[in-house]
Amino acid sequence: MAQTIINFKTNTKLKAQAKEVLDEMGLNFSIALNAYLRNLIIERKIEFKGKEIPNARLRKVIKDTDEEYKKGNLKFYTNIEDMRKSLGV
């Protein structure tokens, strides 16, 4: 199999942190990046995942809903038909 070299720029700290993680996993950059490229080809998409931290608006909705739940003001349904009837659908 013919091989080629890919050069790219990255932050020094990022590279060091990635190397630490890869070392812990017993991998190197070539293995990790080749796996990433293979997945890119198969999936035909790039996914960026981050911590799912709710924004201020969502935190307020969660808090308000929790308060309504504690007061017993939420309606629960055991089947979709009852929920649709309640919504007038």
N, C-alpha and C. Protein backbone atom coordinates (compact mmCIF):
# COMPACT_ATOMS: atom_id res chain seq x y z
N MET A 1 0.84 -1.17 0.00
CA MET A 1 0.00 0.00 0.00
C MET A 1 0.89 1.24 0.00
N ALA A 2 0.63 2.12 -0.92
CA ALA A 2 1.38 3.37 -0.99
C ALA A 2 0.99 4.27 0.17
N GLN A 3 1.93 5.00 0.68
CA GLN A 3 1.65 5.90 1.80
C GLN A 3 2.05 7.31 1.44
N THR A 4 1.43 8.25 2.11
CA THR A 4 1.73 9.66 1.92
C THR A 4 1.79 10.33 3.28
N ILE A 5 2.33 11.51 3.32
CA ILE A 5 2.45 12.26 4.56
C ILE A 5 1.49 13.44 4.51
N ILE A 6 0.78 13.64 5.61
CA ILE A 6 -0.09 14.80 5.75
C ILE A 6 0.49 15.68 6.85
N ASN A 7 0.71 16.94 6.53
CA ASN A 7 1.17 17.90 7.53
C ASN A 7 0.04 18.86 7.84
N PHE A 8 -0.16 19.14 9.11
CA PHE A 8 -1.14 20.16 9.46
C PHE A 8 -0.70 20.87 10.73
N LYS A 9 -1.19 22.08 10.89
CA LYS A 9 -0.82 22.89 12.05
C LYS A 9 -1.84 22.69 13.15
N THR A 10 -1.35 22.66 14.38
CA THR A 10 -2.23 22.60 15.55
C THR A 10 -1.54 23.29 16.71
N ASN A 11 -2.30 23.59 17.70
CA ASN A 11 -1.79 24.22 18.91
C ASN A 11 -0.87 23.27 19.65
N THR A 12 0.25 23.77 20.15
CA THR A 12 1.24 22.95 20.84
C THR A 12 0.64 22.23 22.04
N LYS A 13 -0.15 22.95 22.82
CA LYS A 13 -0.78 22.36 24.01
C LYS A 13 -1.77 21.26 23.61
N LEU A 14 -2.55 21.51 22.56
CA LEU A 14 -3.51 20.53 22.07
C LEU A 14 -2.81 19.24 21.64
N LYS A 15 -1.72 19.41 20.93
CA LYS A 15 -0.95 18.24 20.47
C LYS A 15 -0.43 17.44 21.66
N ALA A 16 0.11 18.12 22.66
CA ALA A 16 0.65 17.44 23.84
C ALA A 16 -0.45 16.69 24.59
N GLN A 17 -1.61 17.35 24.73
CA GLN A 17 -2.72 16.69 25.43
C GLN A 17 -3.22 15.47 24.65
N ALA A 18 -3.30 15.60 23.34
CA ALA A 18 -3.73 14.48 22.51
C ALA A 18 -2.74 13.33 22.59
N LYS A 19 -1.46 13.67 22.59
CA LYS A 19 -0.42 12.64 22.69
C LYS A 19 -0.54 11.88 24.01
N GLU A 20 -0.81 12.60 25.09
CA GLU A 20 -1.00 11.97 26.39
C GLU A 20 -2.13 10.94 26.34
N VAL A 21 -3.25 11.36 25.79
CA VAL A 21 -4.42 10.47 25.70
C VAL A 21 -4.10 9.27 24.83
N LEU A 22 -3.48 9.52 23.68
CA LEU A 22 -3.13 8.42 22.78
C LEU A 22 -2.14 7.46 23.43
N ASP A 23 -1.18 7.99 24.15
CA ASP A 23 -0.21 7.14 24.86
C ASP A 23 -0.92 6.25 25.87
N GLU A 24 -1.88 6.82 26.61
CA GLU A 24 -2.65 6.05 27.58
C GLU A 24 -3.41 4.92 26.90
N MET A 25 -3.84 5.17 25.66
CA MET A 25 -4.62 4.17 24.91
C MET A 25 -3.72 3.20 24.15
N GLY A 26 -2.43 3.45 24.18
CA GLY A 26 -1.50 2.61 23.43
C GLY A 26 -1.53 2.86 21.94
N LEU A 27 -1.90 4.07 21.55
CA LEU A 27 -2.01 4.44 20.14
C LEU A 27 -1.05 5.58 19.82
N ASN A 28 -0.92 5.86 18.53
CA ASN A 28 -0.13 7.01 18.10
C ASN A 28 -0.97 7.86 17.14
N PHE A 29 -0.43 8.98 16.73
CA PHE A 29 -1.18 9.88 15.85
C PHE A 29 -1.55 9.22 14.53
N SER A 30 -0.67 8.44 13.96
CA SER A 30 -0.97 7.79 12.67
C SER A 30 -2.18 6.88 12.78
N ILE A 31 -2.22 6.07 13.82
CA ILE A 31 -3.36 5.16 14.00
C ILE A 31 -4.64 5.96 14.21
N ALA A 32 -4.59 6.96 15.08
CA ALA A 32 -5.79 7.74 15.39
C ALA A 32 -6.29 8.51 14.17
N LEU A 33 -5.40 9.16 13.46
CA LEU A 33 -5.83 9.95 12.31
C LEU A 33 -6.29 9.08 11.15
N ASN A 34 -5.67 7.93 10.94
CA ASN A 34 -6.14 7.02 9.90
C ASN A 34 -7.53 6.49 10.25
N ALA A 35 -7.76 6.18 11.52
CA ALA A 35 -9.09 5.73 11.94
C ALA A 35 -10.12 6.83 11.70
N TYR A 36 -9.75 8.07 12.03
CA TYR A 36 -10.64 9.20 11.81
C TYR A 36 -10.96 9.36 10.33
N LEU A 37 -9.94 9.29 9.47
CA LEU A 37 -10.15 9.45 8.02
C LEU A 37 -11.02 8.33 7.45
N ARG A 38 -10.80 7.10 7.93
CA ARG A 38 -11.65 5.99 7.46
C ARG A 38 -13.10 6.24 7.84
N ASN A 39 -13.33 6.69 9.09
CA ASN A 39 -14.68 6.98 9.54
C ASN A 39 -15.30 8.12 8.74
N LEU A 40 -14.52 9.13 8.42
CA LEU A 40 -14.99 10.24 7.60
C LEU A 40 -15.48 9.74 6.24
N ILE A 41 -14.74 8.83 5.64
CA ILE A 41 -15.10 8.28 4.33
C ILE A 41 -16.39 7.46 4.43
N ILE A 42 -16.48 6.62 5.46
CA ILE A 42 -17.65 5.75 5.62
C ILE A 42 -18.91 6.56 5.95
N GLU A 43 -18.80 7.45 6.93
CA GLU A 43 -19.96 8.21 7.41
C GLU A 43 -20.29 9.42 6.54
N ARG A 44 -19.29 9.93 5.83
CA ARG A 44 -19.45 11.12 5.00
C ARG A 44 -19.96 12.32 5.80
N LYS A 45 -19.47 12.42 7.04
CA LYS A 45 -19.83 13.57 7.87
C LYS A 45 -18.77 13.75 8.95
N ILE A 46 -18.73 14.95 9.47
CA ILE A 46 -17.83 15.28 10.57
C ILE A 46 -18.72 15.65 11.75
N GLU A 47 -18.49 15.00 12.87
CA GLU A 47 -19.26 15.30 14.06
C GLU A 47 -18.39 16.00 15.09
N PHE A 48 -18.91 17.07 15.63
CA PHE A 48 -18.24 17.77 16.71
C PHE A 48 -19.09 17.59 17.95
N LYS A 49 -18.53 16.95 18.95
CA LYS A 49 -19.27 16.72 20.17
C LYS A 49 -18.65 17.55 21.28
N GLY A 50 -19.50 18.12 22.06
CA GLY A 50 -19.05 18.87 23.21
C GLY A 50 -19.89 18.51 24.40
N LYS A 51 -19.53 19.04 25.53
CA LYS A 51 -20.33 18.81 26.71
C LYS A 51 -21.70 19.41 26.49
N GLU A 52 -22.70 18.68 26.91
CA GLU A 52 -24.06 19.16 26.75
C GLU A 52 -24.45 19.97 27.98
N ILE A 53 -24.08 21.23 27.95
CA ILE A 53 -24.37 22.14 29.05
C ILE A 53 -25.54 23.02 28.64
N PRO A 54 -26.64 22.94 29.37
CA PRO A 54 -27.80 23.75 28.98
C PRO A 54 -27.53 25.24 29.13
N ASN A 55 -28.07 26.01 28.19
CA ASN A 55 -27.93 27.47 28.27
C ASN A 55 -28.88 28.01 29.33
N ALA A 56 -28.84 29.31 29.58
CA ALA A 56 -29.63 29.93 30.64
C ALA A 56 -31.13 29.70 30.44
N ARG A 57 -31.59 29.81 29.21
CA ARG A 57 -33.02 29.63 28.92
C ARG A 57 -33.47 28.21 29.25
N LEU A 58 -32.68 27.23 28.83
CA LEU A 58 -33.04 25.83 29.10
C LEU A 58 -32.96 25.52 30.59
N ARG A 59 -31.96 26.08 31.29
CA ARG A 59 -31.87 25.87 32.74
C ARG A 59 -33.12 26.39 33.44
N LYS A 60 -33.63 27.55 32.99
CA LYS A 60 -34.85 28.11 33.58
C LYS A 60 -36.05 27.20 33.32
N VAL A 61 -36.18 26.70 32.10
CA VAL A 61 -37.28 25.81 31.76
C VAL A 61 -37.22 24.54 32.62
N ILE A 62 -36.03 24.00 32.78
CA ILE A 62 -35.86 22.79 33.61
C ILE A 62 -36.26 23.09 35.05
N LYS A 63 -35.80 24.22 35.58
CA LYS A 63 -36.13 24.61 36.96
C LYS A 63 -37.63 24.81 37.13
N ASP A 64 -38.25 25.54 36.19
CA ASP A 64 -39.69 25.79 36.27
C ASP A 64 -40.49 24.49 36.19
N THR A 65 -40.07 23.62 35.30
CA THR A 65 -40.77 22.33 35.13
C THR A 65 -40.62 21.48 36.38
N ASP A 66 -39.44 21.49 36.98
CA ASP A 66 -39.21 20.75 38.21
C ASP A 66 -40.13 21.26 39.32
N GLU A 67 -40.27 22.58 39.40
CA GLU A 67 -41.16 23.17 40.41
C GLU A 67 -42.61 22.77 40.16
N GLU A 68 -43.04 22.79 38.91
CA GLU A 68 -44.41 22.38 38.57
C GLU A 68 -44.63 20.90 38.89
N TYR A 69 -43.63 20.08 38.65
CA TYR A 69 -43.72 18.65 38.96
C TYR A 69 -43.90 18.45 40.47
N LYS A 70 -43.10 19.17 41.26
CA LYS A 70 -43.17 19.04 42.72
C LYS A 70 -44.52 19.50 43.26
N LYS A 71 -45.14 20.47 42.58
CA LYS A 71 -46.46 20.96 43.00
C LYS A 71 -47.58 20.03 42.53
N GLY A 72 -47.26 19.08 41.66
CA GLY A 72 -48.27 18.17 41.13
C GLY A 72 -49.08 18.76 40.00
N ASN A 73 -48.54 19.77 39.33
CA ASN A 73 -49.27 20.47 38.27
C ASN A 73 -49.03 19.90 36.87
N LEU A 74 -48.28 18.85 36.74
CA LEU A 74 -48.02 18.29 35.41
C LEU A 74 -48.97 17.14 35.14
N LYS A 75 -49.36 17.03 33.89
CA LYS A 75 -50.26 15.97 33.47
C LYS A 75 -49.45 14.84 32.84
N PHE A 76 -49.77 13.62 33.21
CA PHE A 76 -49.07 12.46 32.65
C PHE A 76 -50.06 11.61 31.87
N TYR A 77 -49.55 10.97 30.83
CA TYR A 77 -50.38 10.13 29.98
C TYR A 77 -49.76 8.74 29.91
N THR A 78 -50.62 7.75 29.84
CA THR A 78 -50.13 6.37 29.72
C THR A 78 -50.17 5.88 28.29
N ASN A 79 -50.84 6.66 27.41
CA ASN A 79 -50.87 6.27 25.99
C ASN A 79 -51.03 7.51 25.13
N ILE A 80 -50.67 7.37 23.90
CA ILE A 80 -50.65 8.49 22.94
C ILE A 80 -52.06 9.01 22.64
N GLU A 81 -53.06 8.10 22.66
CA GLU A 81 -54.43 8.53 22.35
C GLU A 81 -54.94 9.54 23.37
N ASP A 82 -54.71 9.27 24.66
CA ASP A 82 -55.15 10.20 25.71
C ASP A 82 -54.45 11.55 25.57
N MET A 83 -53.16 11.52 25.24
CA MET A 83 -52.43 12.76 25.07
C MET A 83 -52.99 13.56 23.89
N ARG A 84 -53.28 12.89 22.80
CA ARG A 84 -53.84 13.59 21.63
C ARG A 84 -55.19 14.19 21.94
N LYS A 85 -56.04 13.45 22.68
CA LYS A 85 -57.37 13.98 23.07
C LYS A 85 -57.19 15.25 23.89
N SER A 86 -56.26 15.23 24.83
CA SER A 86 -56.01 16.39 25.67
C SER A 86 -55.55 17.59 24.86
N LEU A 87 -54.77 17.33 23.81
CA LEU A 87 -54.27 18.40 22.95
C LEU A 87 -55.26 18.82 21.88
N GLY A 88 -56.34 18.06 21.73
CA GLY A 88 -57.34 18.37 20.71
C GLY A 88 -56.89 17.99 19.31
N VAL A 89 -56.05 16.98 19.24
CA VAL A 89 -55.52 16.54 17.94
C VAL A 89 -56.29 15.33 17.45
